[in-house]
């Protein structure tokens, strides 16, 4: 029993991975490739990827929307848990990062389940609404620029079916959100988003300390 969430030091986190992480060879190869690039800090943790994969199965999701592809680890983790006919639509603007993603999606045989939209996310979200995707998405994952996070969230709510799930990444921001001396733009943007989401009665929420913090928001 415990009255609050246990703090994970390096040793305990390594133990957690050793008895719970079932990362397959394709995901590990992509994670290893991502670790070779300069911006590898943007990669989600492998236990977060496994958690998201489990959520895909638990929700029975068939139509997934991702905002922020990076090198494609989260898209691959979710795609591998999709049923036949399921699809991940993922948005990014970087050809360099998504070239890594496409290579590994193809190597893993998941490229047919993942649709990359290489354009500003807001443009893609508007096009999805115009093409009758409103109320169709089962699960959305927001992991992109923090200044536009609320805008992406509002689009996702329109696209999500009732009972669908939105996952918002980086809500704990390496602990900076709780540091009153950190008033950087990104930190303030995340703090403001978290406050607004807490008051949003259109959804049920739960903030989970996995990876850099994920908030799950279930649409009423």
N, C-alpha and C. Protein backbone atom coordinates (compact mmCIF):
# COMPACT_ATOMS: atom_id res chain seq x y z
N UNK A 1 0.84 -1.20 0.00
CA UNK A 1 0.00 0.00 0.00
C UNK A 1 0.87 1.25 0.00
N UNK A 2 0.32 2.33 -0.55
CA UNK A 2 1.04 3.59 -0.56
C UNK A 2 0.08 4.73 -0.70
N UNK A 3 0.39 5.84 -0.01
CA UNK A 3 -0.49 6.99 -0.04
C UNK A 3 -0.23 7.90 -1.23
N UNK A 4 0.89 7.70 -1.93
CA UNK A 4 1.17 8.48 -3.13
C UNK A 4 2.01 7.66 -4.09
N UNK A 5 2.08 8.12 -5.34
CA UNK A 5 2.84 7.39 -6.35
C UNK A 5 4.31 7.32 -5.97
N UNK A 6 4.89 6.15 -6.11
CA UNK A 6 6.28 5.92 -5.75
C UNK A 6 7.22 6.65 -6.70
N UNK A 7 8.23 7.29 -6.14
CA UNK A 7 9.24 7.94 -6.97
C UNK A 7 10.22 6.88 -7.48
N UNK A 8 10.50 6.92 -8.78
CA UNK A 8 11.38 5.92 -9.38
C UNK A 8 12.81 6.46 -9.50
N UNK A 9 13.73 5.84 -8.77
CA UNK A 9 15.14 6.14 -9.03
C UNK A 9 15.62 5.24 -10.17
N UNK A 10 16.86 5.40 -10.59
CA UNK A 10 17.35 4.66 -11.75
C UNK A 10 17.29 3.15 -11.53
N UNK A 11 17.65 2.72 -10.34
CA UNK A 11 17.65 1.29 -10.07
C UNK A 11 16.26 0.70 -10.11
N UNK A 12 15.29 1.40 -9.54
CA UNK A 12 13.92 0.90 -9.53
C UNK A 12 13.32 0.93 -10.93
N UNK A 13 13.66 1.98 -11.69
CA UNK A 13 13.16 2.05 -13.07
C UNK A 13 13.73 0.90 -13.91
N UNK A 14 15.01 0.61 -13.72
CA UNK A 14 15.62 -0.52 -14.45
C UNK A 14 14.94 -1.83 -14.06
N UNK A 15 14.61 -1.98 -12.78
CA UNK A 15 13.89 -3.18 -12.35
C UNK A 15 12.52 -3.26 -13.00
N UNK A 16 11.81 -2.12 -13.03
CA UNK A 16 10.50 -2.07 -13.67
C UNK A 16 10.58 -2.57 -15.11
N UNK A 17 11.57 -2.07 -15.85
CA UNK A 17 11.72 -2.50 -17.24
C UNK A 17 12.06 -3.99 -17.33
N UNK A 18 12.88 -4.46 -16.39
CA UNK A 18 13.36 -5.85 -16.47
C UNK A 18 12.25 -6.87 -16.27
N UNK A 19 11.18 -6.49 -15.58
CA UNK A 19 10.12 -7.46 -15.31
C UNK A 19 8.80 -7.11 -16.01
N UNK A 20 8.81 -6.04 -16.84
CA UNK A 20 7.54 -5.68 -17.48
C UNK A 20 7.66 -5.33 -18.96
N UNK A 21 8.82 -4.86 -19.40
CA UNK A 21 8.93 -4.39 -20.78
C UNK A 21 9.06 -5.57 -21.75
N UNK A 22 8.12 -5.63 -22.71
CA UNK A 22 8.15 -6.66 -23.75
C UNK A 22 8.32 -5.99 -25.11
N UNK A 23 9.35 -5.21 -25.24
CA UNK A 23 9.63 -4.48 -26.47
C UNK A 23 10.16 -5.44 -27.54
N UNK A 24 9.48 -5.50 -28.68
CA UNK A 24 9.94 -6.43 -29.72
C UNK A 24 11.12 -5.85 -30.49
N UNK A 25 11.69 -6.68 -31.36
CA UNK A 25 12.92 -6.30 -32.06
C UNK A 25 12.72 -5.08 -32.95
N UNK A 26 11.55 -4.95 -33.57
CA UNK A 26 11.31 -3.81 -34.45
C UNK A 26 11.27 -2.50 -33.68
N UNK A 27 10.61 -2.50 -32.54
CA UNK A 27 10.56 -1.29 -31.72
C UNK A 27 11.94 -0.96 -31.16
N UNK A 28 12.67 -1.96 -30.73
CA UNK A 28 14.00 -1.70 -30.19
C UNK A 28 14.94 -1.15 -31.26
N UNK A 29 14.85 -1.68 -32.47
CA UNK A 29 15.69 -1.19 -33.56
C UNK A 29 15.39 0.28 -33.85
N UNK A 30 14.11 0.66 -33.81
CA UNK A 30 13.75 2.06 -34.03
C UNK A 30 14.22 2.93 -32.88
N UNK A 31 14.09 2.46 -31.67
CA UNK A 31 14.57 3.24 -30.51
C UNK A 31 16.09 3.42 -30.57
N UNK A 32 16.79 2.36 -30.96
CA UNK A 32 18.25 2.46 -31.08
C UNK A 32 18.64 3.45 -32.18
N UNK A 33 17.93 3.43 -33.29
CA UNK A 33 18.22 4.37 -34.39
C UNK A 33 17.95 5.80 -33.95
N UNK A 34 16.89 6.01 -33.18
CA UNK A 34 16.55 7.35 -32.70
C UNK A 34 17.61 7.86 -31.74
N UNK A 35 18.18 6.98 -30.95
CA UNK A 35 19.21 7.39 -30.00
C UNK A 35 20.46 7.91 -30.67
N UNK A 36 20.60 7.67 -31.97
CA UNK A 36 21.78 8.13 -32.71
C UNK A 36 21.63 9.57 -33.21
N UNK A 37 20.43 10.15 -33.12
CA UNK A 37 20.25 11.51 -33.62
C UNK A 37 20.28 12.50 -32.48
N UNK A 38 20.52 13.75 -32.83
CA UNK A 38 20.76 14.80 -31.82
C UNK A 38 19.55 15.04 -30.92
N UNK A 39 18.36 14.97 -31.47
CA UNK A 39 17.14 15.29 -30.72
C UNK A 39 16.49 14.07 -30.10
N UNK A 40 17.30 13.06 -29.74
CA UNK A 40 16.73 11.80 -29.24
C UNK A 40 15.96 11.98 -27.94
N UNK A 41 16.14 13.10 -27.24
CA UNK A 41 15.41 13.34 -25.99
C UNK A 41 13.90 13.42 -26.24
N UNK A 42 13.50 13.66 -27.50
CA UNK A 42 12.08 13.75 -27.84
C UNK A 42 11.41 12.37 -27.94
N UNK A 43 12.21 11.31 -27.90
CA UNK A 43 11.68 9.95 -27.99
C UNK A 43 10.91 9.57 -26.73
N UNK A 44 9.74 8.98 -26.87
CA UNK A 44 9.03 8.50 -25.69
C UNK A 44 9.77 7.30 -25.11
N UNK A 45 9.53 7.02 -23.83
CA UNK A 45 10.17 5.89 -23.19
C UNK A 45 9.52 4.59 -23.66
N UNK A 46 10.26 3.48 -23.61
CA UNK A 46 9.70 2.22 -24.10
C UNK A 46 8.52 1.74 -23.26
N UNK A 47 8.54 2.00 -21.95
CA UNK A 47 7.40 1.61 -21.11
C UNK A 47 6.17 2.44 -21.44
N UNK A 48 6.37 3.70 -21.85
CA UNK A 48 5.24 4.50 -22.30
C UNK A 48 4.65 3.94 -23.58
N UNK A 49 5.52 3.54 -24.49
CA UNK A 49 5.05 2.93 -25.73
C UNK A 49 4.22 1.68 -25.46
N UNK A 50 4.67 0.86 -24.51
CA UNK A 50 3.94 -0.36 -24.17
C UNK A 50 2.60 -0.02 -23.51
N UNK A 51 2.59 1.02 -22.67
CA UNK A 51 1.35 1.46 -22.03
C UNK A 51 0.34 1.92 -23.08
N UNK A 52 0.80 2.68 -24.06
CA UNK A 52 -0.09 3.16 -25.12
C UNK A 52 -0.59 2.01 -25.98
N UNK A 53 0.27 1.05 -26.23
CA UNK A 53 -0.13 -0.15 -26.97
C UNK A 53 -1.24 -0.89 -26.24
N UNK A 54 -1.12 -1.00 -24.92
CA UNK A 54 -2.15 -1.64 -24.11
C UNK A 54 -3.46 -0.87 -24.19
N UNK A 55 -3.40 0.46 -24.18
CA UNK A 55 -4.61 1.27 -24.27
C UNK A 55 -5.33 1.06 -25.60
N UNK A 56 -4.57 0.89 -26.67
CA UNK A 56 -5.18 0.61 -27.97
C UNK A 56 -6.01 -0.66 -27.88
N UNK A 57 -5.46 -1.68 -27.25
CA UNK A 57 -6.18 -2.95 -27.12
C UNK A 57 -7.37 -2.83 -26.17
N UNK A 58 -7.18 -2.13 -25.06
CA UNK A 58 -8.25 -2.00 -24.08
C UNK A 58 -9.45 -1.23 -24.62
N UNK A 59 -9.18 -0.20 -25.44
CA UNK A 59 -10.26 0.63 -25.98
C UNK A 59 -10.86 0.04 -27.25
N UNK A 60 -10.19 -0.97 -27.83
CA UNK A 60 -10.65 -1.53 -29.10
C UNK A 60 -10.51 -0.55 -30.24
N UNK A 61 -9.55 0.35 -30.13
CA UNK A 61 -9.37 1.40 -31.14
C UNK A 61 -9.06 0.83 -32.52
N UNK A 62 -9.68 1.42 -33.53
CA UNK A 62 -9.38 1.11 -34.92
C UNK A 62 -8.84 2.33 -35.66
N UNK A 63 -9.29 3.51 -35.26
CA UNK A 63 -8.87 4.75 -35.91
C UNK A 63 -8.13 5.63 -34.91
N UNK A 64 -6.84 5.79 -35.14
CA UNK A 64 -5.97 6.52 -34.22
C UNK A 64 -5.41 7.76 -34.92
N UNK A 65 -5.35 8.85 -34.19
CA UNK A 65 -4.77 10.10 -34.68
C UNK A 65 -3.60 10.47 -33.79
N UNK A 66 -2.47 10.79 -34.42
CA UNK A 66 -1.28 11.20 -33.68
C UNK A 66 -0.82 12.56 -34.19
N UNK A 67 -0.56 13.47 -33.27
CA UNK A 67 -0.03 14.79 -33.64
C UNK A 67 1.39 14.87 -33.10
N UNK A 68 2.34 14.77 -34.01
CA UNK A 68 3.75 14.73 -33.65
C UNK A 68 4.32 13.34 -33.83
N UNK A 69 4.90 13.07 -35.00
CA UNK A 69 5.39 11.73 -35.34
C UNK A 69 6.78 11.47 -34.81
N UNK A 70 7.66 12.47 -34.93
CA UNK A 70 9.10 12.36 -34.66
C UNK A 70 9.65 11.19 -35.49
N UNK A 71 10.29 10.22 -34.89
CA UNK A 71 10.85 9.10 -35.67
C UNK A 71 9.93 7.88 -35.68
N UNK A 72 8.70 8.04 -35.19
CA UNK A 72 7.69 7.02 -35.43
C UNK A 72 7.55 5.91 -34.42
N UNK A 73 8.20 6.03 -33.25
CA UNK A 73 8.13 4.94 -32.27
C UNK A 73 6.71 4.76 -31.73
N UNK A 74 6.08 5.85 -31.32
CA UNK A 74 4.73 5.74 -30.75
C UNK A 74 3.73 5.26 -31.79
N UNK A 75 3.87 5.74 -33.03
CA UNK A 75 2.98 5.28 -34.10
C UNK A 75 3.14 3.78 -34.33
N UNK A 76 4.37 3.31 -34.32
CA UNK A 76 4.63 1.89 -34.52
C UNK A 76 4.08 1.07 -33.36
N UNK A 77 4.30 1.53 -32.14
CA UNK A 77 3.81 0.80 -30.97
C UNK A 77 2.29 0.65 -31.01
N UNK A 78 1.60 1.72 -31.40
CA UNK A 78 0.14 1.66 -31.47
C UNK A 78 -0.34 0.84 -32.66
N UNK A 79 0.32 0.99 -33.81
CA UNK A 79 -0.09 0.27 -35.01
C UNK A 79 0.00 -1.24 -34.81
N UNK A 80 1.00 -1.69 -34.08
CA UNK A 80 1.18 -3.13 -33.85
C UNK A 80 0.05 -3.73 -33.02
N UNK A 81 -0.71 -2.88 -32.33
CA UNK A 81 -1.82 -3.38 -31.52
C UNK A 81 -3.17 -3.19 -32.19
N UNK A 82 -3.18 -2.64 -33.39
CA UNK A 82 -4.44 -2.42 -34.09
C UNK A 82 -5.00 -3.72 -34.66
N UNK A 83 -6.32 -3.83 -34.73
CA UNK A 83 -6.92 -4.99 -35.40
C UNK A 83 -6.81 -4.84 -36.92
N UNK A 84 -7.19 -5.84 -37.63
CA UNK A 84 -7.20 -5.80 -39.09
C UNK A 84 -8.08 -4.64 -39.55
N UNK A 85 -7.56 -3.85 -40.49
CA UNK A 85 -8.29 -2.70 -40.99
C UNK A 85 -8.09 -1.43 -40.20
N UNK A 86 -7.35 -1.50 -39.09
CA UNK A 86 -7.10 -0.31 -38.28
C UNK A 86 -6.03 0.58 -38.90
N UNK A 87 -6.02 1.84 -38.50
CA UNK A 87 -5.08 2.79 -39.09
C UNK A 87 -4.66 3.85 -38.08
N UNK A 88 -3.38 4.24 -38.15
CA UNK A 88 -2.84 5.39 -37.43
C UNK A 88 -2.61 6.50 -38.45
N UNK A 89 -3.25 7.65 -38.25
CA UNK A 89 -2.97 8.84 -39.04
C UNK A 89 -2.05 9.71 -38.20
N UNK A 90 -0.86 9.99 -38.68
CA UNK A 90 0.12 10.72 -37.88
C UNK A 90 0.63 11.95 -38.62
N UNK A 91 0.79 13.05 -37.88
CA UNK A 91 1.11 14.36 -38.46
C UNK A 91 2.49 14.84 -38.02
N UNK A 92 3.26 15.34 -38.98
CA UNK A 92 4.54 15.97 -38.66
C UNK A 92 4.95 16.87 -39.82
N UNK A 93 5.99 17.68 -39.59
CA UNK A 93 6.48 18.57 -40.65
C UNK A 93 7.92 18.26 -41.04
N UNK A 94 8.57 17.32 -40.35
CA UNK A 94 9.98 17.04 -40.60
C UNK A 94 10.16 15.82 -41.51
N UNK A 95 10.75 16.05 -42.67
CA UNK A 95 11.07 14.93 -43.56
C UNK A 95 12.20 14.09 -43.00
N UNK A 96 13.19 14.73 -42.37
CA UNK A 96 14.34 13.99 -41.85
C UNK A 96 13.92 12.99 -40.79
N UNK A 97 13.14 13.43 -39.82
CA UNK A 97 12.71 12.54 -38.75
C UNK A 97 11.77 11.46 -39.28
N UNK A 98 10.83 11.85 -40.11
CA UNK A 98 9.84 10.87 -40.58
C UNK A 98 10.42 9.91 -41.61
N UNK A 99 11.53 10.25 -42.24
CA UNK A 99 12.21 9.28 -43.11
C UNK A 99 12.70 8.09 -42.29
N UNK A 100 13.19 8.37 -41.08
CA UNK A 100 13.59 7.28 -40.18
C UNK A 100 12.37 6.45 -39.84
N UNK A 101 11.27 7.13 -39.54
CA UNK A 101 10.02 6.44 -39.19
C UNK A 101 9.57 5.52 -40.32
N UNK A 102 9.51 6.07 -41.53
CA UNK A 102 9.00 5.28 -42.67
C UNK A 102 9.85 4.04 -42.91
N UNK A 103 11.16 4.18 -42.77
CA UNK A 103 12.05 3.05 -42.97
C UNK A 103 11.72 1.91 -42.00
N UNK A 104 11.52 2.27 -40.74
CA UNK A 104 11.27 1.24 -39.72
C UNK A 104 9.84 0.72 -39.76
N UNK A 105 8.89 1.56 -40.14
CA UNK A 105 7.53 1.05 -40.33
C UNK A 105 7.51 -0.03 -41.41
N UNK A 106 8.25 0.23 -42.50
CA UNK A 106 8.29 -0.72 -43.61
C UNK A 106 9.00 -2.01 -43.17
N UNK A 107 10.11 -1.86 -42.45
CA UNK A 107 10.85 -3.04 -41.99
C UNK A 107 10.01 -3.92 -41.08
N UNK A 108 9.09 -3.29 -40.33
CA UNK A 108 8.27 -4.05 -39.39
C UNK A 108 6.97 -4.53 -40.02
N UNK A 109 6.72 -4.16 -41.27
CA UNK A 109 5.50 -4.57 -41.96
C UNK A 109 4.26 -3.81 -41.52
N UNK A 110 4.46 -2.65 -40.88
CA UNK A 110 3.34 -1.87 -40.38
C UNK A 110 3.03 -0.65 -41.24
N UNK A 111 3.76 -0.46 -42.33
CA UNK A 111 3.58 0.76 -43.15
C UNK A 111 2.17 0.86 -43.73
N UNK A 112 1.52 -0.25 -43.97
CA UNK A 112 0.16 -0.21 -44.52
C UNK A 112 -0.87 0.25 -43.49
N UNK A 113 -0.51 0.20 -42.20
CA UNK A 113 -1.42 0.62 -41.14
C UNK A 113 -1.16 2.06 -40.68
N UNK A 114 -0.13 2.71 -41.23
CA UNK A 114 0.24 4.06 -40.78
C UNK A 114 0.21 5.02 -41.96
N UNK A 115 -0.56 6.08 -41.83
CA UNK A 115 -0.67 7.11 -42.86
C UNK A 115 0.00 8.38 -42.35
N UNK A 116 1.11 8.75 -42.97
CA UNK A 116 1.85 9.96 -42.58
C UNK A 116 1.31 11.16 -43.34
N UNK A 117 0.98 12.21 -42.61
CA UNK A 117 0.55 13.48 -43.22
C UNK A 117 1.65 14.50 -42.96
N UNK A 118 2.46 14.77 -43.97
CA UNK A 118 3.61 15.66 -43.84
C UNK A 118 3.17 17.09 -44.15
N UNK A 119 2.64 17.75 -43.13
CA UNK A 119 2.10 19.10 -43.27
C UNK A 119 1.88 19.65 -41.87
N UNK A 120 1.71 20.97 -41.73
CA UNK A 120 1.37 21.51 -40.41
C UNK A 120 0.14 20.80 -39.85
N UNK A 121 0.18 20.47 -38.56
CA UNK A 121 -0.88 19.66 -37.96
C UNK A 121 -2.25 20.31 -38.10
N UNK A 122 -2.33 21.61 -37.92
CA UNK A 122 -3.64 22.27 -38.00
C UNK A 122 -4.26 22.09 -39.38
N UNK A 123 -3.44 22.14 -40.42
CA UNK A 123 -3.93 21.92 -41.78
C UNK A 123 -4.51 20.51 -41.92
N UNK A 124 -3.78 19.52 -41.42
CA UNK A 124 -4.25 18.14 -41.50
C UNK A 124 -5.53 17.94 -40.70
N UNK A 125 -5.61 18.54 -39.52
CA UNK A 125 -6.79 18.39 -38.68
C UNK A 125 -8.02 19.01 -39.33
N UNK A 126 -7.85 20.16 -39.96
CA UNK A 126 -8.96 20.79 -40.68
C UNK A 126 -9.41 19.91 -41.84
N UNK A 127 -8.45 19.33 -42.56
CA UNK A 127 -8.80 18.46 -43.69
C UNK A 127 -9.54 17.21 -43.22
N UNK A 128 -9.16 16.67 -42.07
CA UNK A 128 -9.86 15.50 -41.55
C UNK A 128 -11.31 15.84 -41.21
N UNK A 129 -11.53 17.01 -40.62
CA UNK A 129 -12.90 17.43 -40.31
C UNK A 129 -13.71 17.64 -41.59
N UNK A 130 -13.07 18.21 -42.60
CA UNK A 130 -13.76 18.44 -43.88
C UNK A 130 -14.06 17.14 -44.61
N UNK A 131 -13.31 16.09 -44.29
CA UNK A 131 -13.49 14.80 -44.96
C UNK A 131 -14.24 13.79 -44.08
N UNK A 132 -15.13 14.32 -43.26
CA UNK A 132 -16.08 13.49 -42.50
C UNK A 132 -15.41 12.57 -41.48
N UNK A 133 -14.35 13.04 -40.86
CA UNK A 133 -13.73 12.28 -39.77
C UNK A 133 -14.26 12.70 -38.41
N UNK A 134 -15.14 13.68 -38.35
CA UNK A 134 -15.69 14.10 -37.06
C UNK A 134 -16.42 12.94 -36.40
N UNK A 135 -16.08 12.67 -35.15
CA UNK A 135 -16.71 11.58 -34.41
C UNK A 135 -16.25 10.19 -34.81
N UNK A 136 -15.15 10.10 -35.56
CA UNK A 136 -14.68 8.81 -36.07
C UNK A 136 -13.47 8.29 -35.30
N UNK A 137 -12.61 9.18 -34.80
CA UNK A 137 -11.37 8.78 -34.16
C UNK A 137 -11.65 8.14 -32.80
N UNK A 138 -10.99 7.01 -32.55
CA UNK A 138 -11.15 6.30 -31.28
C UNK A 138 -10.14 6.76 -30.23
N UNK A 139 -8.92 7.06 -30.69
CA UNK A 139 -7.85 7.43 -29.77
C UNK A 139 -6.95 8.45 -30.45
N UNK A 140 -6.61 9.52 -29.73
CA UNK A 140 -5.71 10.54 -30.26
C UNK A 140 -4.54 10.72 -29.30
N UNK A 141 -3.36 10.98 -29.86
CA UNK A 141 -2.15 11.21 -29.06
C UNK A 141 -1.55 12.55 -29.48
N UNK A 142 -1.44 13.48 -28.53
CA UNK A 142 -0.90 14.81 -28.80
C UNK A 142 0.50 14.89 -28.21
N UNK A 143 1.49 15.06 -29.08
CA UNK A 143 2.90 15.13 -28.66
C UNK A 143 3.64 16.04 -29.62
N UNK A 144 3.29 17.33 -29.59
CA UNK A 144 3.85 18.27 -30.55
C UNK A 144 4.17 19.60 -29.85
N UNK A 145 4.26 20.69 -30.61
CA UNK A 145 4.62 21.99 -30.04
C UNK A 145 3.61 22.41 -28.97
N UNK A 146 4.15 22.88 -27.86
CA UNK A 146 3.31 23.09 -26.68
C UNK A 146 2.47 24.37 -26.77
N UNK A 147 2.89 25.34 -27.55
CA UNK A 147 2.11 26.58 -27.64
C UNK A 147 0.78 26.38 -28.35
N UNK A 148 0.68 25.32 -29.16
CA UNK A 148 -0.57 25.05 -29.88
C UNK A 148 -1.32 23.84 -29.33
N UNK A 149 -0.94 23.40 -28.14
CA UNK A 149 -1.48 22.16 -27.60
C UNK A 149 -3.00 22.24 -27.39
N UNK A 150 -3.48 23.37 -26.87
CA UNK A 150 -4.92 23.47 -26.64
C UNK A 150 -5.68 23.48 -27.95
N UNK A 151 -5.14 24.12 -28.96
CA UNK A 151 -5.77 24.14 -30.29
C UNK A 151 -5.89 22.71 -30.83
N UNK A 152 -4.80 21.94 -30.71
CA UNK A 152 -4.84 20.55 -31.17
C UNK A 152 -5.88 19.75 -30.37
N UNK A 153 -5.94 19.99 -29.09
CA UNK A 153 -6.88 19.29 -28.22
C UNK A 153 -8.33 19.56 -28.66
N UNK A 154 -8.64 20.81 -28.99
CA UNK A 154 -10.00 21.15 -29.42
C UNK A 154 -10.35 20.45 -30.74
N UNK A 155 -9.41 20.39 -31.65
CA UNK A 155 -9.64 19.65 -32.90
C UNK A 155 -9.87 18.17 -32.60
N UNK A 156 -9.06 17.61 -31.70
CA UNK A 156 -9.18 16.19 -31.38
C UNK A 156 -10.54 15.89 -30.77
N UNK A 157 -11.05 16.79 -29.94
CA UNK A 157 -12.37 16.57 -29.35
C UNK A 157 -13.45 16.48 -30.43
N UNK A 158 -13.33 17.30 -31.46
CA UNK A 158 -14.30 17.25 -32.56
C UNK A 158 -14.18 15.96 -33.35
N UNK A 159 -12.96 15.48 -33.51
CA UNK A 159 -12.72 14.28 -34.30
C UNK A 159 -13.00 12.99 -33.53
N UNK A 160 -12.97 13.07 -32.22
CA UNK A 160 -13.12 11.89 -31.37
C UNK A 160 -14.57 11.45 -31.24
N UNK A 161 -14.79 10.17 -31.22
CA UNK A 161 -16.12 9.62 -30.95
C UNK A 161 -16.43 9.77 -29.47
N UNK A 162 -17.71 9.77 -29.08
CA UNK A 162 -18.05 9.73 -27.66
C UNK A 162 -17.44 8.49 -27.00
N UNK A 163 -16.81 8.68 -25.86
CA UNK A 163 -16.14 7.57 -25.20
C UNK A 163 -14.71 7.37 -25.68
N UNK A 164 -14.30 8.13 -26.69
CA UNK A 164 -12.94 8.04 -27.19
C UNK A 164 -11.94 8.68 -26.25
N UNK A 165 -10.66 8.42 -26.48
CA UNK A 165 -9.60 8.79 -25.55
C UNK A 165 -8.57 9.69 -26.22
N UNK A 166 -8.21 10.77 -25.52
CA UNK A 166 -7.09 11.63 -25.94
C UNK A 166 -5.96 11.44 -24.94
N UNK A 167 -4.76 11.21 -25.44
CA UNK A 167 -3.56 11.14 -24.61
C UNK A 167 -2.72 12.39 -24.88
N UNK A 168 -2.36 13.10 -23.83
CA UNK A 168 -1.54 14.30 -23.98
C UNK A 168 -0.20 14.04 -23.31
N UNK A 169 0.88 14.20 -24.05
CA UNK A 169 2.22 13.87 -23.55
C UNK A 169 2.88 15.08 -22.89
N UNK A 170 3.92 14.79 -22.09
CA UNK A 170 4.80 15.80 -21.49
C UNK A 170 4.09 16.71 -20.48
N UNK A 171 3.05 16.24 -19.85
CA UNK A 171 2.29 17.11 -18.94
C UNK A 171 3.05 17.38 -17.64
N UNK A 172 4.08 16.60 -17.34
CA UNK A 172 4.91 16.87 -16.15
C UNK A 172 6.22 17.55 -16.50
N UNK A 173 6.60 17.50 -17.77
CA UNK A 173 7.71 18.31 -18.32
C UNK A 173 8.97 18.23 -17.46
N UNK A 174 9.39 16.99 -17.21
CA UNK A 174 10.61 16.74 -16.43
C UNK A 174 10.56 17.40 -15.05
N UNK A 175 9.36 17.57 -14.51
CA UNK A 175 9.19 18.18 -13.20
C UNK A 175 9.18 19.69 -13.18
N UNK A 176 9.42 20.31 -14.35
CA UNK A 176 9.53 21.77 -14.38
C UNK A 176 8.22 22.48 -14.08
N UNK A 177 7.09 21.81 -14.37
CA UNK A 177 5.79 22.44 -14.11
C UNK A 177 5.59 22.74 -12.62
N UNK A 178 6.28 22.01 -11.75
CA UNK A 178 6.15 22.21 -10.31
C UNK A 178 7.24 23.11 -9.74
N UNK A 179 8.08 23.65 -10.59
CA UNK A 179 9.16 24.54 -10.16
C UNK A 179 8.74 25.99 -10.37
N UNK A 180 8.42 26.73 -9.31
CA UNK A 180 7.94 28.10 -9.47
C UNK A 180 8.98 29.05 -10.06
N UNK A 181 10.23 28.64 -10.06
CA UNK A 181 11.29 29.49 -10.61
C UNK A 181 11.46 29.31 -12.11
N UNK A 182 10.79 28.30 -12.68
CA UNK A 182 10.87 28.06 -14.12
C UNK A 182 9.67 28.72 -14.80
N UNK A 183 9.93 29.82 -15.47
CA UNK A 183 8.88 30.54 -16.19
C UNK A 183 9.17 30.59 -17.69
N UNK A 184 9.83 29.55 -18.19
CA UNK A 184 10.10 29.49 -19.62
C UNK A 184 8.79 29.32 -20.38
N UNK A 185 8.81 29.64 -21.67
CA UNK A 185 7.59 29.65 -22.47
C UNK A 185 6.92 28.28 -22.50
N UNK A 186 7.69 27.25 -22.78
CA UNK A 186 7.10 25.91 -22.87
C UNK A 186 6.52 25.46 -21.54
N UNK A 187 7.25 25.73 -20.46
CA UNK A 187 6.76 25.34 -19.14
C UNK A 187 5.45 26.05 -18.82
N UNK A 188 5.38 27.34 -19.09
CA UNK A 188 4.15 28.09 -18.84
C UNK A 188 3.01 27.60 -19.72
N UNK A 189 3.31 27.25 -20.98
CA UNK A 189 2.28 26.73 -21.88
C UNK A 189 1.69 25.43 -21.34
N UNK A 190 2.55 24.56 -20.84
CA UNK A 190 2.07 23.28 -20.32
C UNK A 190 1.28 23.48 -19.04
N UNK A 191 1.76 24.35 -18.16
CA UNK A 191 1.01 24.66 -16.94
C UNK A 191 -0.40 25.15 -17.28
N UNK A 192 -0.48 26.07 -18.24
CA UNK A 192 -1.78 26.64 -18.62
C UNK A 192 -2.68 25.57 -19.22
N UNK A 193 -2.10 24.71 -20.06
CA UNK A 193 -2.89 23.62 -20.63
C UNK A 193 -3.44 22.71 -19.53
N UNK A 194 -2.58 22.33 -18.60
CA UNK A 194 -3.00 21.43 -17.53
C UNK A 194 -4.15 22.03 -16.70
N UNK A 195 -4.06 23.34 -16.43
CA UNK A 195 -5.11 24.01 -15.66
C UNK A 195 -6.43 24.02 -16.43
N UNK A 196 -6.36 24.32 -17.72
CA UNK A 196 -7.59 24.37 -18.53
C UNK A 196 -8.22 22.99 -18.66
N UNK A 197 -7.39 21.99 -18.85
CA UNK A 197 -7.93 20.64 -19.00
C UNK A 197 -8.57 20.16 -17.69
N UNK A 198 -7.98 20.52 -16.57
CA UNK A 198 -8.53 20.15 -15.27
C UNK A 198 -9.96 20.66 -15.09
N UNK A 199 -10.25 21.81 -15.70
CA UNK A 199 -11.57 22.43 -15.56
C UNK A 199 -12.53 22.07 -16.70
N UNK A 200 -12.10 21.25 -17.65
CA UNK A 200 -12.90 20.94 -18.83
C UNK A 200 -13.87 19.80 -18.51
N UNK A 201 -15.14 20.13 -18.33
CA UNK A 201 -16.14 19.13 -17.96
C UNK A 201 -16.65 18.30 -19.13
N UNK A 202 -16.07 18.51 -20.31
CA UNK A 202 -16.45 17.69 -21.45
C UNK A 202 -15.79 16.32 -21.42
N UNK A 203 -14.81 16.16 -20.52
CA UNK A 203 -14.02 14.93 -20.48
C UNK A 203 -13.82 14.48 -19.03
N UNK A 204 -13.54 13.17 -18.89
CA UNK A 204 -12.99 12.63 -17.64
C UNK A 204 -11.48 12.58 -17.80
N UNK A 205 -10.74 12.87 -16.74
CA UNK A 205 -9.29 12.92 -16.89
C UNK A 205 -8.57 12.10 -15.82
N UNK A 206 -7.37 11.67 -16.18
CA UNK A 206 -6.45 11.05 -15.22
C UNK A 206 -5.03 11.33 -15.70
N UNK A 207 -4.23 11.97 -14.85
CA UNK A 207 -2.83 12.24 -15.18
C UNK A 207 -1.98 11.10 -14.63
N UNK A 208 -1.20 10.48 -15.51
CA UNK A 208 -0.42 9.29 -15.16
C UNK A 208 1.07 9.61 -15.24
N UNK A 209 1.85 9.31 -14.18
CA UNK A 209 3.29 9.60 -14.20
C UNK A 209 4.09 8.52 -14.94
N UNK A 210 3.75 8.32 -16.20
CA UNK A 210 4.50 7.41 -17.07
C UNK A 210 5.31 8.27 -18.04
N UNK A 211 6.55 7.90 -18.28
CA UNK A 211 7.39 8.71 -19.16
C UNK A 211 7.53 10.12 -18.60
N UNK A 212 7.20 11.11 -19.41
CA UNK A 212 7.26 12.50 -18.99
C UNK A 212 5.90 13.01 -18.53
N UNK A 213 5.01 12.06 -18.20
CA UNK A 213 3.67 12.40 -17.76
C UNK A 213 2.68 12.40 -18.91
N UNK A 214 1.61 11.63 -18.77
CA UNK A 214 0.54 11.57 -19.78
C UNK A 214 -0.78 11.85 -19.07
N UNK A 215 -1.57 12.73 -19.65
CA UNK A 215 -2.95 12.88 -19.20
C UNK A 215 -3.86 12.15 -20.17
N UNK A 216 -4.73 11.31 -19.63
CA UNK A 216 -5.76 10.64 -20.42
C UNK A 216 -7.06 11.42 -20.23
N UNK A 217 -7.68 11.78 -21.34
CA UNK A 217 -8.96 12.51 -21.31
C UNK A 217 -9.97 11.72 -22.12
N UNK A 218 -11.02 11.25 -21.46
CA UNK A 218 -12.08 10.47 -22.11
C UNK A 218 -13.26 11.38 -22.41
N UNK A 219 -13.62 11.44 -23.68
CA UNK A 219 -14.71 12.32 -24.11
C UNK A 219 -16.05 11.76 -23.64
N UNK A 220 -16.89 12.64 -23.08
CA UNK A 220 -18.24 12.24 -22.65
C UNK A 220 -19.11 11.89 -23.86
